[in-house]
Amino acid sequence: MAARAGRETDPLKMYTVVMALLVIVMAVLWVVINNKREKFEQANIRAEQLMTGKGLRSRGLDDSPRTIPDLALAVERLSYTYDQATGGGGIDKGGRHISQEMMETVAVHAGLHQAGSSGERPTPNRARGYETVTQSFDYESMSGGPLEVWRLLTLLYNIESRGRYRVSEVSWEVADPKDNLEEPFDKVKRSRVEVALRGPILSGD
């Protein structure tokens, strides 16, 4: 009986071995996951720098582009220069004007009518070599009255989907109760959208 008892497994010893193995596995997983997390954080920081230039020193007009927007402006400036050198001229000063036809098209696709617009307002940033053009547009329903807010949101999406066009400001007022009698009570009025377009400042401007 004594010999048989000596060959039995000690539960405490087994528990200790299992726990030790679990600790080792958890430590390895922690190292692997933490390493991946740090790489993702670095990639996110780099991606933000490429898009916004945050954390990078200010770029002069003659410096090589370091962000995606700066690269796009450099390519557009090069395209315009080449077009001028070959006798072209159909690039419209680097495309720095908001397309009225495009704005009317996206409005129709959202089921809206463009009720009016302001003039273009250029804001040059000569240190960075670009100019931002903004313009405000007023919208109403096809029948000329209040519109559903979801149509306005559709319009914003349509504008943002058009390359370098950006929505910089949106405003509206809730429609009068008499015009908002049906659920989901989402009619709005005096809807205004400000659109921005950025283009390079070219030689001779």
N, C-alpha and C. Protein backbone atom coordinates (compact mmCIF):
# COMPACT_ATOMS: atom_id res chain seq x y z
N MET A 1 0.82 -1.21 0.00
CA MET A 1 0.00 0.00 0.00
C MET A 1 0.86 1.27 0.00
N ALA A 2 1.97 1.21 0.73
CA ALA A 2 2.83 2.39 0.82
C ALA A 2 3.47 2.70 -0.52
N ALA A 3 3.88 1.61 -1.28
CA ALA A 3 4.50 1.84 -2.59
C ALA A 3 3.50 2.43 -3.57
N ARG A 4 2.22 1.95 -3.55
CA ARG A 4 1.21 2.48 -4.45
C ARG A 4 0.92 3.94 -4.15
N ALA A 5 0.85 4.28 -2.88
CA ALA A 5 0.58 5.67 -2.48
C ALA A 5 1.67 6.61 -2.94
N GLY A 6 2.93 6.08 -2.96
CA GLY A 6 4.04 6.93 -3.38
C GLY A 6 3.99 7.29 -4.84
N ARG A 7 3.31 6.48 -5.67
CA ARG A 7 3.24 6.75 -7.10
C ARG A 7 2.06 7.66 -7.48
N GLU A 8 1.16 8.00 -6.55
CA GLU A 8 0.01 8.87 -6.84
C GLU A 8 0.47 10.31 -7.10
N THR A 9 -0.23 11.00 -8.03
CA THR A 9 0.10 12.38 -8.38
C THR A 9 -0.34 13.33 -7.27
N ASP A 10 0.55 14.25 -6.95
CA ASP A 10 0.24 15.25 -5.92
C ASP A 10 -0.63 16.34 -6.55
N PRO A 11 -1.89 16.52 -6.13
CA PRO A 11 -2.78 17.53 -6.73
C PRO A 11 -2.21 18.95 -6.64
N LEU A 12 -1.60 19.28 -5.55
CA LEU A 12 -1.05 20.62 -5.39
C LEU A 12 0.08 20.88 -6.37
N LYS A 13 0.93 19.83 -6.57
CA LYS A 13 2.03 19.97 -7.52
C LYS A 13 1.50 20.13 -8.94
N MET A 14 0.45 19.35 -9.28
CA MET A 14 -0.15 19.44 -10.61
C MET A 14 -0.76 20.82 -10.85
N TYR A 15 -1.43 21.33 -9.84
CA TYR A 15 -2.05 22.66 -9.93
C TYR A 15 -0.99 23.74 -10.14
N THR A 16 0.13 23.60 -9.44
CA THR A 16 1.21 24.57 -9.57
C THR A 16 1.81 24.56 -10.97
N VAL A 17 1.98 23.35 -11.54
CA VAL A 17 2.54 23.23 -12.88
C VAL A 17 1.59 23.85 -13.92
N VAL A 18 0.30 23.55 -13.80
CA VAL A 18 -0.68 24.09 -14.74
C VAL A 18 -0.72 25.61 -14.67
N MET A 19 -0.73 26.16 -13.47
CA MET A 19 -0.77 27.60 -13.31
C MET A 19 0.49 28.26 -13.86
N ALA A 20 1.63 27.59 -13.68
CA ALA A 20 2.88 28.14 -14.21
C ALA A 20 2.84 28.19 -15.73
N LEU A 21 2.30 27.12 -16.35
CA LEU A 21 2.17 27.10 -17.81
C LEU A 21 1.23 28.20 -18.30
N LEU A 22 0.11 28.40 -17.57
CA LEU A 22 -0.83 29.46 -17.94
C LEU A 22 -0.19 30.84 -17.86
N VAL A 23 0.61 31.06 -16.82
CA VAL A 23 1.28 32.34 -16.66
C VAL A 23 2.24 32.59 -17.82
N ILE A 24 2.97 31.54 -18.22
CA ILE A 24 3.91 31.67 -19.33
C ILE A 24 3.17 32.00 -20.62
N VAL A 25 2.06 31.27 -20.88
CA VAL A 25 1.27 31.51 -22.08
C VAL A 25 0.72 32.94 -22.07
N MET A 26 0.19 33.38 -20.93
CA MET A 26 -0.36 34.73 -20.84
C MET A 26 0.72 35.79 -21.06
N ALA A 27 1.92 35.52 -20.54
CA ALA A 27 3.02 36.48 -20.72
C ALA A 27 3.40 36.59 -22.19
N VAL A 28 3.46 35.46 -22.89
CA VAL A 28 3.79 35.47 -24.31
C VAL A 28 2.72 36.22 -25.10
N LEU A 29 1.45 35.93 -24.80
CA LEU A 29 0.36 36.62 -25.49
C LEU A 29 0.40 38.11 -25.24
N TRP A 30 0.71 38.51 -24.01
CA TRP A 30 0.77 39.93 -23.67
C TRP A 30 1.86 40.63 -24.49
N VAL A 31 3.02 39.98 -24.61
CA VAL A 31 4.12 40.57 -25.38
C VAL A 31 3.72 40.72 -26.84
N VAL A 32 3.10 39.68 -27.41
CA VAL A 32 2.71 39.72 -28.82
C VAL A 32 1.65 40.78 -29.06
N ILE A 33 0.60 40.81 -28.23
CA ILE A 33 -0.48 41.78 -28.40
C ILE A 33 0.01 43.20 -28.18
N ASN A 34 0.85 43.41 -27.16
CA ASN A 34 1.36 44.74 -26.89
C ASN A 34 2.24 45.24 -28.03
N ASN A 35 3.01 44.35 -28.64
CA ASN A 35 3.85 44.72 -29.77
C ASN A 35 2.99 45.14 -30.97
N LYS A 36 1.90 44.38 -31.22
CA LYS A 36 1.00 44.74 -32.32
C LYS A 36 0.29 46.06 -32.03
N ARG A 37 -0.09 46.27 -30.77
CA ARG A 37 -0.78 47.51 -30.41
C ARG A 37 0.12 48.71 -30.65
N GLU A 38 1.38 48.60 -30.28
CA GLU A 38 2.32 49.70 -30.49
C GLU A 38 2.50 49.99 -31.98
N LYS A 39 2.54 48.92 -32.79
CA LYS A 39 2.68 49.12 -34.23
C LYS A 39 1.45 49.80 -34.82
N PHE A 40 0.25 49.42 -34.34
CA PHE A 40 -0.98 50.06 -34.80
C PHE A 40 -1.00 51.53 -34.40
N GLU A 41 -0.56 51.84 -33.17
CA GLU A 41 -0.54 53.23 -32.72
C GLU A 41 0.42 54.06 -33.58
N GLN A 42 1.59 53.50 -33.88
CA GLN A 42 2.55 54.21 -34.72
C GLN A 42 2.00 54.41 -36.13
N ALA A 43 1.30 53.38 -36.65
CA ALA A 43 0.71 53.50 -37.98
C ALA A 43 -0.38 54.57 -38.00
N ASN A 44 -1.19 54.66 -36.94
CA ASN A 44 -2.23 55.68 -36.87
C ASN A 44 -1.64 57.09 -36.81
N ILE A 45 -0.56 57.24 -36.04
CA ILE A 45 0.10 58.54 -35.95
C ILE A 45 0.67 58.94 -37.31
N ARG A 46 1.29 57.98 -37.99
CA ARG A 46 1.87 58.27 -39.30
C ARG A 46 0.80 58.60 -40.33
N ALA A 47 -0.33 57.86 -40.26
CA ALA A 47 -1.42 58.12 -41.18
C ALA A 47 -1.98 59.52 -40.98
N GLU A 48 -2.11 59.94 -39.72
CA GLU A 48 -2.61 61.29 -39.43
C GLU A 48 -1.63 62.34 -39.95
N GLN A 49 -0.34 62.08 -39.82
CA GLN A 49 0.65 63.01 -40.35
C GLN A 49 0.56 63.13 -41.86
N LEU A 50 0.37 61.98 -42.53
CA LEU A 50 0.28 62.00 -43.99
C LEU A 50 -0.94 62.75 -44.48
N MET A 51 -2.03 62.73 -43.69
CA MET A 51 -3.25 63.39 -44.11
C MET A 51 -3.30 64.85 -43.69
N THR A 52 -2.79 65.18 -42.50
CA THR A 52 -2.97 66.53 -41.96
C THR A 52 -1.67 67.29 -41.76
N GLY A 53 -0.52 66.59 -41.71
CA GLY A 53 0.74 67.27 -41.43
C GLY A 53 0.97 67.52 -39.96
N LYS A 54 0.08 67.00 -39.10
CA LYS A 54 0.21 67.20 -37.65
C LYS A 54 1.49 66.56 -37.14
N GLY A 55 2.26 67.34 -36.40
CA GLY A 55 3.51 66.82 -35.86
C GLY A 55 4.70 67.00 -36.77
N LEU A 56 4.47 67.51 -37.99
CA LEU A 56 5.57 67.76 -38.92
C LEU A 56 5.88 69.25 -38.94
N ARG A 57 7.12 69.58 -39.22
CA ARG A 57 7.47 71.01 -39.32
C ARG A 57 6.76 71.62 -40.52
N SER A 58 6.53 72.91 -40.43
CA SER A 58 5.85 73.62 -41.51
C SER A 58 6.66 73.51 -42.80
N ARG A 59 5.95 73.23 -43.89
CA ARG A 59 6.60 73.06 -45.18
C ARG A 59 6.59 74.36 -45.95
N GLY A 60 7.73 74.73 -46.48
CA GLY A 60 7.82 75.90 -47.33
C GLY A 60 7.29 75.60 -48.72
N LEU A 61 7.10 76.64 -49.51
CA LEU A 61 6.52 76.48 -50.83
C LEU A 61 7.41 75.63 -51.73
N ASP A 62 8.74 75.72 -51.54
CA ASP A 62 9.68 75.00 -52.41
C ASP A 62 10.09 73.65 -51.85
N ASP A 63 9.61 73.28 -50.66
CA ASP A 63 9.95 71.98 -50.07
C ASP A 63 9.18 70.86 -50.75
N SER A 64 9.73 69.67 -50.68
CA SER A 64 9.05 68.50 -51.23
C SER A 64 7.80 68.21 -50.40
N PRO A 65 6.70 67.81 -51.04
CA PRO A 65 5.46 67.51 -50.29
C PRO A 65 5.66 66.30 -49.38
N ARG A 66 5.09 66.40 -48.17
CA ARG A 66 5.22 65.30 -47.21
C ARG A 66 3.87 64.73 -46.81
N THR A 67 2.79 65.39 -47.19
CA THR A 67 1.47 64.88 -46.87
C THR A 67 0.71 64.60 -48.15
N ILE A 68 -0.36 63.81 -48.06
CA ILE A 68 -1.16 63.47 -49.24
C ILE A 68 -1.79 64.72 -49.86
N PRO A 69 -2.41 65.63 -49.06
CA PRO A 69 -2.95 66.86 -49.68
C PRO A 69 -1.87 67.69 -50.37
N ASP A 70 -0.67 67.80 -49.74
CA ASP A 70 0.41 68.56 -50.38
C ASP A 70 0.84 67.90 -51.68
N LEU A 71 0.87 66.57 -51.71
CA LEU A 71 1.24 65.86 -52.93
C LEU A 71 0.21 66.08 -54.03
N ALA A 72 -1.08 66.08 -53.64
CA ALA A 72 -2.14 66.31 -54.63
C ALA A 72 -2.02 67.71 -55.22
N LEU A 73 -1.70 68.70 -54.38
CA LEU A 73 -1.54 70.06 -54.88
C LEU A 73 -0.33 70.16 -55.80
N ALA A 74 0.75 69.46 -55.45
CA ALA A 74 1.94 69.49 -56.29
C ALA A 74 1.67 68.87 -57.65
N VAL A 75 0.94 67.76 -57.68
CA VAL A 75 0.60 67.12 -58.95
C VAL A 75 -0.28 68.02 -59.79
N GLU A 76 -1.25 68.69 -59.14
CA GLU A 76 -2.14 69.59 -59.88
C GLU A 76 -1.37 70.78 -60.43
N ARG A 77 -0.43 71.30 -59.63
CA ARG A 77 0.38 72.43 -60.11
C ARG A 77 1.24 72.00 -61.30
N LEU A 78 1.81 70.80 -61.22
CA LEU A 78 2.62 70.29 -62.32
C LEU A 78 1.78 70.09 -63.58
N SER A 79 0.55 69.57 -63.41
CA SER A 79 -0.33 69.35 -64.56
C SER A 79 -0.68 70.66 -65.23
N TYR A 80 -0.96 71.68 -64.42
CA TYR A 80 -1.30 72.99 -64.98
C TYR A 80 -0.12 73.58 -65.74
N THR A 81 1.07 73.48 -65.13
CA THR A 81 2.27 74.03 -65.78
C THR A 81 2.54 73.34 -67.11
N TYR A 82 2.37 72.01 -67.12
CA TYR A 82 2.58 71.26 -68.36
C TYR A 82 1.54 71.65 -69.41
N ASP A 83 0.30 71.82 -68.98
CA ASP A 83 -0.76 72.19 -69.91
C ASP A 83 -0.49 73.54 -70.53
N GLN A 84 0.00 74.49 -69.72
CA GLN A 84 0.32 75.82 -70.24
C GLN A 84 1.51 75.76 -71.20
N ALA A 85 2.51 74.93 -70.84
CA ALA A 85 3.71 74.86 -71.67
C ALA A 85 3.43 74.23 -73.03
N THR A 86 2.43 73.38 -73.11
CA THR A 86 2.11 72.70 -74.38
C THR A 86 1.00 73.41 -75.15
N GLY A 87 0.66 74.63 -74.69
CA GLY A 87 -0.33 75.41 -75.42
C GLY A 87 -1.76 75.11 -75.03
N GLY A 88 -1.93 74.46 -73.88
CA GLY A 88 -3.28 74.14 -73.44
C GLY A 88 -3.92 75.34 -72.75
N GLY A 89 -4.61 75.09 -71.69
CA GLY A 89 -5.26 76.18 -70.97
C GLY A 89 -6.64 75.80 -70.51
N GLY A 90 -6.97 74.52 -70.63
CA GLY A 90 -8.31 74.10 -70.24
C GLY A 90 -8.42 73.59 -68.83
N ILE A 91 -7.44 73.92 -67.98
CA ILE A 91 -7.48 73.41 -66.61
C ILE A 91 -8.15 74.40 -65.67
N ASP A 92 -8.49 75.58 -66.18
CA ASP A 92 -9.24 76.56 -65.38
C ASP A 92 -8.46 76.95 -64.13
N LYS A 93 -7.26 77.49 -64.34
CA LYS A 93 -6.41 77.97 -63.25
C LYS A 93 -6.24 76.92 -62.16
N GLY A 94 -6.02 75.68 -62.57
CA GLY A 94 -5.80 74.63 -61.59
C GLY A 94 -7.08 74.09 -61.00
N GLY A 95 -8.22 74.40 -61.58
CA GLY A 95 -9.47 73.85 -61.06
C GLY A 95 -9.89 74.44 -59.73
N ARG A 96 -9.64 75.75 -59.54
CA ARG A 96 -9.93 76.38 -58.25
C ARG A 96 -11.30 77.04 -58.22
N HIS A 97 -12.19 76.64 -59.10
CA HIS A 97 -13.54 77.17 -59.09
C HIS A 97 -14.52 76.04 -58.80
N ILE A 98 -15.48 76.29 -57.94
CA ILE A 98 -16.48 75.29 -57.59
C ILE A 98 -17.43 75.12 -58.77
N SER A 99 -17.59 73.90 -59.22
CA SER A 99 -18.42 73.61 -60.38
C SER A 99 -19.90 73.80 -60.06
N GLN A 100 -20.53 74.78 -60.70
CA GLN A 100 -21.95 75.03 -60.46
C GLN A 100 -22.79 73.89 -61.03
N GLU A 101 -22.35 73.34 -62.14
CA GLU A 101 -23.07 72.22 -62.73
C GLU A 101 -23.05 71.01 -61.81
N MET A 102 -21.88 70.75 -61.20
CA MET A 102 -21.78 69.63 -60.27
C MET A 102 -22.68 69.83 -59.06
N MET A 103 -22.71 71.06 -58.53
CA MET A 103 -23.53 71.34 -57.36
C MET A 103 -25.02 71.17 -57.67
N GLU A 104 -25.44 71.55 -58.87
CA GLU A 104 -26.84 71.36 -59.26
C GLU A 104 -27.15 69.87 -59.42
N THR A 105 -26.18 69.12 -59.95
CA THR A 105 -26.40 67.69 -60.16
C THR A 105 -26.56 66.94 -58.84
N VAL A 106 -25.68 67.21 -57.87
CA VAL A 106 -25.78 66.50 -56.59
C VAL A 106 -27.06 66.88 -55.85
N ALA A 107 -27.53 68.11 -56.06
CA ALA A 107 -28.79 68.52 -55.44
C ALA A 107 -29.96 67.75 -56.02
N VAL A 108 -30.01 67.63 -57.32
CA VAL A 108 -31.08 66.88 -57.99
C VAL A 108 -31.08 65.42 -57.54
N HIS A 109 -29.89 64.83 -57.43
CA HIS A 109 -29.79 63.44 -57.00
C HIS A 109 -30.30 63.24 -55.57
N ALA A 110 -30.25 64.30 -54.76
CA ALA A 110 -30.77 64.22 -53.40
C ALA A 110 -32.24 64.64 -53.33
N GLY A 111 -32.84 64.98 -54.47
CA GLY A 111 -34.23 65.41 -54.49
C GLY A 111 -34.42 66.81 -53.97
N LEU A 112 -33.43 67.69 -54.19
CA LEU A 112 -33.48 69.05 -53.68
C LEU A 112 -33.36 70.06 -54.82
N HIS A 113 -33.80 71.28 -54.51
CA HIS A 113 -33.69 72.39 -55.45
C HIS A 113 -32.77 73.44 -54.87
N GLN A 114 -31.80 73.89 -55.68
CA GLN A 114 -30.88 74.94 -55.22
C GLN A 114 -31.58 76.28 -55.33
N ALA A 115 -31.83 76.89 -54.18
CA ALA A 115 -32.62 78.13 -54.14
C ALA A 115 -31.77 79.38 -54.32
N GLY A 116 -30.47 79.26 -54.18
CA GLY A 116 -29.60 80.43 -54.31
C GLY A 116 -28.20 80.08 -53.87
N SER A 117 -27.28 81.03 -54.11
CA SER A 117 -25.89 80.81 -53.72
C SER A 117 -25.19 82.14 -53.56
N SER A 118 -24.10 82.12 -52.80
CA SER A 118 -23.28 83.30 -52.63
C SER A 118 -22.17 83.29 -53.67
N GLY A 119 -21.39 84.35 -53.69
CA GLY A 119 -20.23 84.37 -54.57
C GLY A 119 -19.09 83.56 -53.96
N GLU A 120 -18.14 83.17 -54.80
CA GLU A 120 -16.97 82.45 -54.30
C GLU A 120 -16.10 83.38 -53.45
N ARG A 121 -15.56 82.81 -52.37
CA ARG A 121 -14.69 83.58 -51.47
C ARG A 121 -13.32 82.89 -51.41
N PRO A 122 -12.31 83.43 -52.11
CA PRO A 122 -10.98 82.82 -52.08
C PRO A 122 -10.19 83.25 -50.84
N THR A 123 -9.50 82.30 -50.24
CA THR A 123 -8.63 82.57 -49.09
C THR A 123 -7.26 81.97 -49.38
N PRO A 124 -6.30 82.78 -49.79
CA PRO A 124 -4.98 82.24 -50.14
C PRO A 124 -4.12 81.97 -48.91
N ASN A 125 -3.32 80.94 -48.99
CA ASN A 125 -2.30 80.65 -47.99
C ASN A 125 -0.98 80.54 -48.76
N ARG A 126 -0.34 81.67 -48.97
CA ARG A 126 0.85 81.71 -49.82
C ARG A 126 2.03 80.98 -49.19
N ALA A 127 2.09 80.94 -47.87
CA ALA A 127 3.19 80.22 -47.22
C ALA A 127 3.15 78.73 -47.54
N ARG A 128 1.94 78.18 -47.68
CA ARG A 128 1.80 76.75 -47.99
C ARG A 128 1.54 76.51 -49.48
N GLY A 129 1.32 77.59 -50.24
CA GLY A 129 1.18 77.45 -51.68
C GLY A 129 -0.18 76.99 -52.16
N TYR A 130 -1.25 77.23 -51.38
CA TYR A 130 -2.57 76.84 -51.86
C TYR A 130 -3.59 77.93 -51.54
N GLU A 131 -4.73 77.81 -52.20
CA GLU A 131 -5.84 78.74 -52.00
C GLU A 131 -7.11 77.94 -51.77
N THR A 132 -7.87 78.33 -50.77
CA THR A 132 -9.15 77.66 -50.48
C THR A 132 -10.29 78.56 -50.93
N VAL A 133 -11.14 78.01 -51.78
CA VAL A 133 -12.31 78.74 -52.28
C VAL A 133 -13.55 78.18 -51.60
N THR A 134 -14.37 79.03 -51.01
CA THR A 134 -15.60 78.61 -50.36
C THR A 134 -16.79 79.30 -51.00
N GLN A 135 -17.93 78.62 -50.98
CA GLN A 135 -19.17 79.18 -51.53
C GLN A 135 -20.34 78.56 -50.78
N SER A 136 -21.35 79.36 -50.48
CA SER A 136 -22.53 78.89 -49.76
C SER A 136 -23.69 78.68 -50.72
N PHE A 137 -24.49 77.63 -50.45
CA PHE A 137 -25.64 77.29 -51.28
C PHE A 137 -26.87 77.09 -50.41
N ASP A 138 -28.01 77.61 -50.87
CA ASP A 138 -29.28 77.44 -50.15
C ASP A 138 -30.11 76.39 -50.86
N TYR A 139 -30.83 75.56 -50.05
CA TYR A 139 -31.59 74.46 -50.62
C TYR A 139 -33.00 74.43 -50.06
N GLU A 140 -33.91 73.94 -50.89
CA GLU A 140 -35.29 73.71 -50.50
C GLU A 140 -35.79 72.47 -51.22
N SER A 141 -37.00 72.03 -50.89
CA SER A 141 -37.55 70.86 -51.56
C SER A 141 -37.89 71.19 -53.01
N MET A 142 -38.15 70.18 -53.79
CA MET A 142 -38.50 70.40 -55.20
C MET A 142 -39.76 71.24 -55.35
N SER A 143 -40.64 71.18 -54.35
CA SER A 143 -41.87 71.96 -54.40
C SER A 143 -41.68 73.38 -53.87
N GLY A 144 -40.47 73.68 -53.37
CA GLY A 144 -40.18 75.03 -52.93
C GLY A 144 -40.37 75.28 -51.45
N GLY A 145 -40.64 74.26 -50.65
CA GLY A 145 -40.86 74.44 -49.23
C GLY A 145 -39.81 73.73 -48.39
N PRO A 146 -40.18 73.42 -47.13
CA PRO A 146 -39.26 72.70 -46.24
C PRO A 146 -38.86 71.35 -46.83
N LEU A 147 -37.73 70.84 -46.41
CA LEU A 147 -37.23 69.56 -46.92
C LEU A 147 -36.96 68.60 -45.77
N GLU A 148 -36.92 67.30 -46.09
CA GLU A 148 -36.60 66.30 -45.08
C GLU A 148 -35.11 66.34 -44.80
N VAL A 149 -34.73 66.24 -43.53
CA VAL A 149 -33.33 66.38 -43.16
C VAL A 149 -32.49 65.26 -43.77
N TRP A 150 -33.10 64.10 -44.02
CA TRP A 150 -32.31 63.01 -44.61
C TRP A 150 -31.88 63.35 -46.03
N ARG A 151 -32.69 64.17 -46.72
CA ARG A 151 -32.27 64.59 -48.07
C ARG A 151 -31.05 65.51 -47.98
N LEU A 152 -31.03 66.35 -46.96
CA LEU A 152 -29.88 67.24 -46.77
C LEU A 152 -28.62 66.42 -46.45
N LEU A 153 -28.77 65.39 -45.63
CA LEU A 153 -27.63 64.52 -45.31
C LEU A 153 -27.16 63.78 -46.55
N THR A 154 -28.09 63.38 -47.41
CA THR A 154 -27.72 62.73 -48.67
C THR A 154 -26.92 63.69 -49.54
N LEU A 155 -27.34 64.95 -49.57
CA LEU A 155 -26.62 65.97 -50.33
C LEU A 155 -25.19 66.12 -49.82
N LEU A 156 -25.02 66.16 -48.50
CA LEU A 156 -23.68 66.31 -47.93
C LEU A 156 -22.79 65.14 -48.33
N TYR A 157 -23.34 63.95 -48.30
CA TYR A 157 -22.58 62.76 -48.70
C TYR A 157 -22.19 62.86 -50.18
N ASN A 158 -23.13 63.30 -51.01
CA ASN A 158 -22.84 63.42 -52.44
C ASN A 158 -21.72 64.42 -52.71
N ILE A 159 -21.71 65.51 -51.96
CA ILE A 159 -20.66 66.52 -52.14
C ILE A 159 -19.31 65.97 -51.70
N GLU A 160 -19.27 65.36 -50.51
CA GLU A 160 -18.01 64.83 -49.98
C GLU A 160 -17.45 63.72 -50.85
N SER A 161 -18.30 63.08 -51.64
CA SER A 161 -17.84 61.99 -52.51
C SER A 161 -17.20 62.50 -53.78
N ARG A 162 -17.21 63.82 -53.98
CA ARG A 162 -16.70 64.39 -55.23
C ARG A 162 -15.25 64.87 -55.06
N GLY A 163 -14.34 63.96 -54.86
CA GLY A 163 -12.91 64.30 -54.85
C GLY A 163 -12.53 65.29 -53.78
N ARG A 164 -12.04 66.47 -54.19
CA ARG A 164 -11.49 67.45 -53.25
C ARG A 164 -12.55 68.37 -52.67
N TYR A 165 -13.80 68.20 -53.03
CA TYR A 165 -14.86 69.05 -52.47
C TYR A 165 -15.11 68.64 -51.02
N ARG A 166 -15.25 69.64 -50.14
CA ARG A 166 -15.50 69.39 -48.73
C ARG A 166 -16.63 70.29 -48.24
N VAL A 167 -17.45 69.76 -47.35
CA VAL A 167 -18.49 70.55 -46.69
C VAL A 167 -17.86 71.17 -45.45
N SER A 168 -17.78 72.48 -45.41
CA SER A 168 -17.13 73.16 -44.29
C SER A 168 -18.13 73.68 -43.26
N GLU A 169 -19.40 73.82 -43.65
CA GLU A 169 -20.39 74.32 -42.69
C GLU A 169 -21.79 73.97 -43.17
N VAL A 170 -22.68 73.64 -42.22
CA VAL A 170 -24.07 73.32 -42.54
C VAL A 170 -24.97 73.99 -41.50
N SER A 171 -26.07 74.55 -41.96
CA SER A 171 -27.02 75.15 -41.02
C SER A 171 -28.45 74.96 -41.53
N TRP A 172 -29.39 74.87 -40.60
CA TRP A 172 -30.81 74.79 -40.95
C TRP A 172 -31.64 75.13 -39.72
N GLU A 173 -32.93 75.33 -39.94
CA GLU A 173 -33.87 75.57 -38.86
C GLU A 173 -34.99 74.54 -38.95
N VAL A 174 -35.55 74.16 -37.80
CA VAL A 174 -36.68 73.23 -37.80
C VAL A 174 -37.87 73.92 -38.45
N ALA A 175 -38.57 73.21 -39.31
CA ALA A 175 -39.71 73.79 -40.01
C ALA A 175 -40.84 74.13 -39.05
N ASP A 176 -41.74 75.01 -39.47
CA ASP A 176 -42.88 75.40 -38.65
C ASP A 176 -43.75 74.17 -38.35
N PRO A 177 -44.39 74.13 -37.19
CA PRO A 177 -45.23 72.97 -36.83
C PRO A 177 -46.26 72.61 -37.89
N LYS A 178 -46.83 73.61 -38.56
CA LYS A 178 -47.85 73.33 -39.58
C LYS A 178 -47.27 72.60 -40.79
N ASP A 179 -45.95 72.73 -40.99
CA ASP A 179 -45.29 72.03 -42.09
C ASP A 179 -44.63 70.73 -41.65
N ASN A 180 -44.79 70.40 -40.36
CA ASN A 180 -44.10 69.23 -39.79
C ASN A 180 -45.11 68.35 -39.06
N LEU A 181 -46.23 68.06 -39.70
CA LEU A 181 -47.33 67.35 -39.03
C LEU A 181 -47.20 65.83 -39.08
N GLU A 182 -46.37 65.31 -39.97
CA GLU A 182 -46.27 63.87 -40.14
C GLU A 182 -44.95 63.34 -39.58
N GLU A 183 -45.02 62.13 -39.02
CA GLU A 183 -43.80 61.49 -38.53
C GLU A 183 -42.86 61.22 -39.71
N PRO A 184 -41.56 61.28 -39.50
CA PRO A 184 -40.84 61.43 -38.22
C PRO A 184 -40.56 62.88 -37.84
N PHE A 185 -41.36 63.83 -38.34
CA PHE A 185 -41.25 65.25 -38.00
C PHE A 185 -39.82 65.77 -38.25
N ASP A 186 -39.33 65.49 -39.45
CA ASP A 186 -37.93 65.82 -39.77
C ASP A 186 -37.81 66.90 -40.83
N LYS A 187 -38.83 67.71 -41.00
CA LYS A 187 -38.77 68.78 -42.00
C LYS A 187 -37.94 69.95 -41.46
N VAL A 188 -37.09 70.51 -42.32
CA VAL A 188 -36.28 71.66 -41.95
C VAL A 188 -36.39 72.73 -43.03
N LYS A 189 -36.01 73.95 -42.68
CA LYS A 189 -36.07 75.07 -43.63
C LYS A 189 -34.78 75.89 -43.52
N ARG A 190 -34.64 76.83 -44.42
CA ARG A 190 -33.46 77.70 -44.46
C ARG A 190 -32.17 76.88 -44.38
N SER A 191 -32.08 75.91 -45.24
CA SER A 191 -30.93 75.00 -45.25
C SER A 191 -29.80 75.62 -46.07
N ARG A 192 -28.66 75.75 -45.47
CA ARG A 192 -27.50 76.34 -46.15
C ARG A 192 -26.29 75.43 -45.97
N VAL A 193 -25.58 75.23 -47.07
CA VAL A 193 -24.38 74.39 -47.06
C VAL A 193 -23.22 75.20 -47.62
N GLU A 194 -22.11 75.24 -46.88
CA GLU A 194 -20.91 75.91 -47.36
C GLU A 194 -19.93 74.85 -47.86
N VAL A 195 -19.48 75.02 -49.10
CA VAL A 195 -18.60 74.05 -49.75
C VAL A 195 -17.23 74.69 -49.92
N ALA A 196 -16.17 73.89 -49.70
CA ALA A 196 -14.79 74.37 -49.83
C ALA A 196 -14.05 73.54 -50.87
N LEU A 197 -13.18 74.20 -51.61
CA LEU A 197 -12.35 73.55 -52.62
C LEU A 197 -10.96 74.15 -52.55
N ARG A 198 -9.95 73.31 -52.42
CA ARG A 198 -8.58 73.78 -52.30
C ARG A 198 -7.81 73.51 -53.58
N GLY A 199 -7.04 74.50 -54.00
CA GLY A 199 -6.22 74.36 -55.21
C GLY A 199 -4.91 75.08 -55.04
N PRO A 200 -3.92 74.78 -55.88
CA PRO A 200 -2.60 75.39 -55.74
C PRO A 200 -2.58 76.84 -56.20
N ILE A 201 -1.74 77.63 -55.55
CA ILE A 201 -1.46 78.98 -56.05
C ILE A 201 -0.38 78.84 -57.11
N LEU A 202 -0.67 79.34 -58.28
CA LEU A 202 0.21 79.14 -59.42
C LEU A 202 1.04 80.40 -59.70
N SER A 203 2.13 80.22 -60.38
CA SER A 203 2.97 81.37 -60.73
C SER A 203 2.18 82.33 -61.60
N GLY A 204 2.30 83.61 -61.32
CA GLY A 204 1.57 84.60 -62.07
C GLY A 204 0.29 85.04 -61.41
N ASP A 205 -0.10 84.36 -60.31
CA ASP A 205 -1.32 84.76 -59.60
C ASP A 205 -1.07 86.02 -58.79
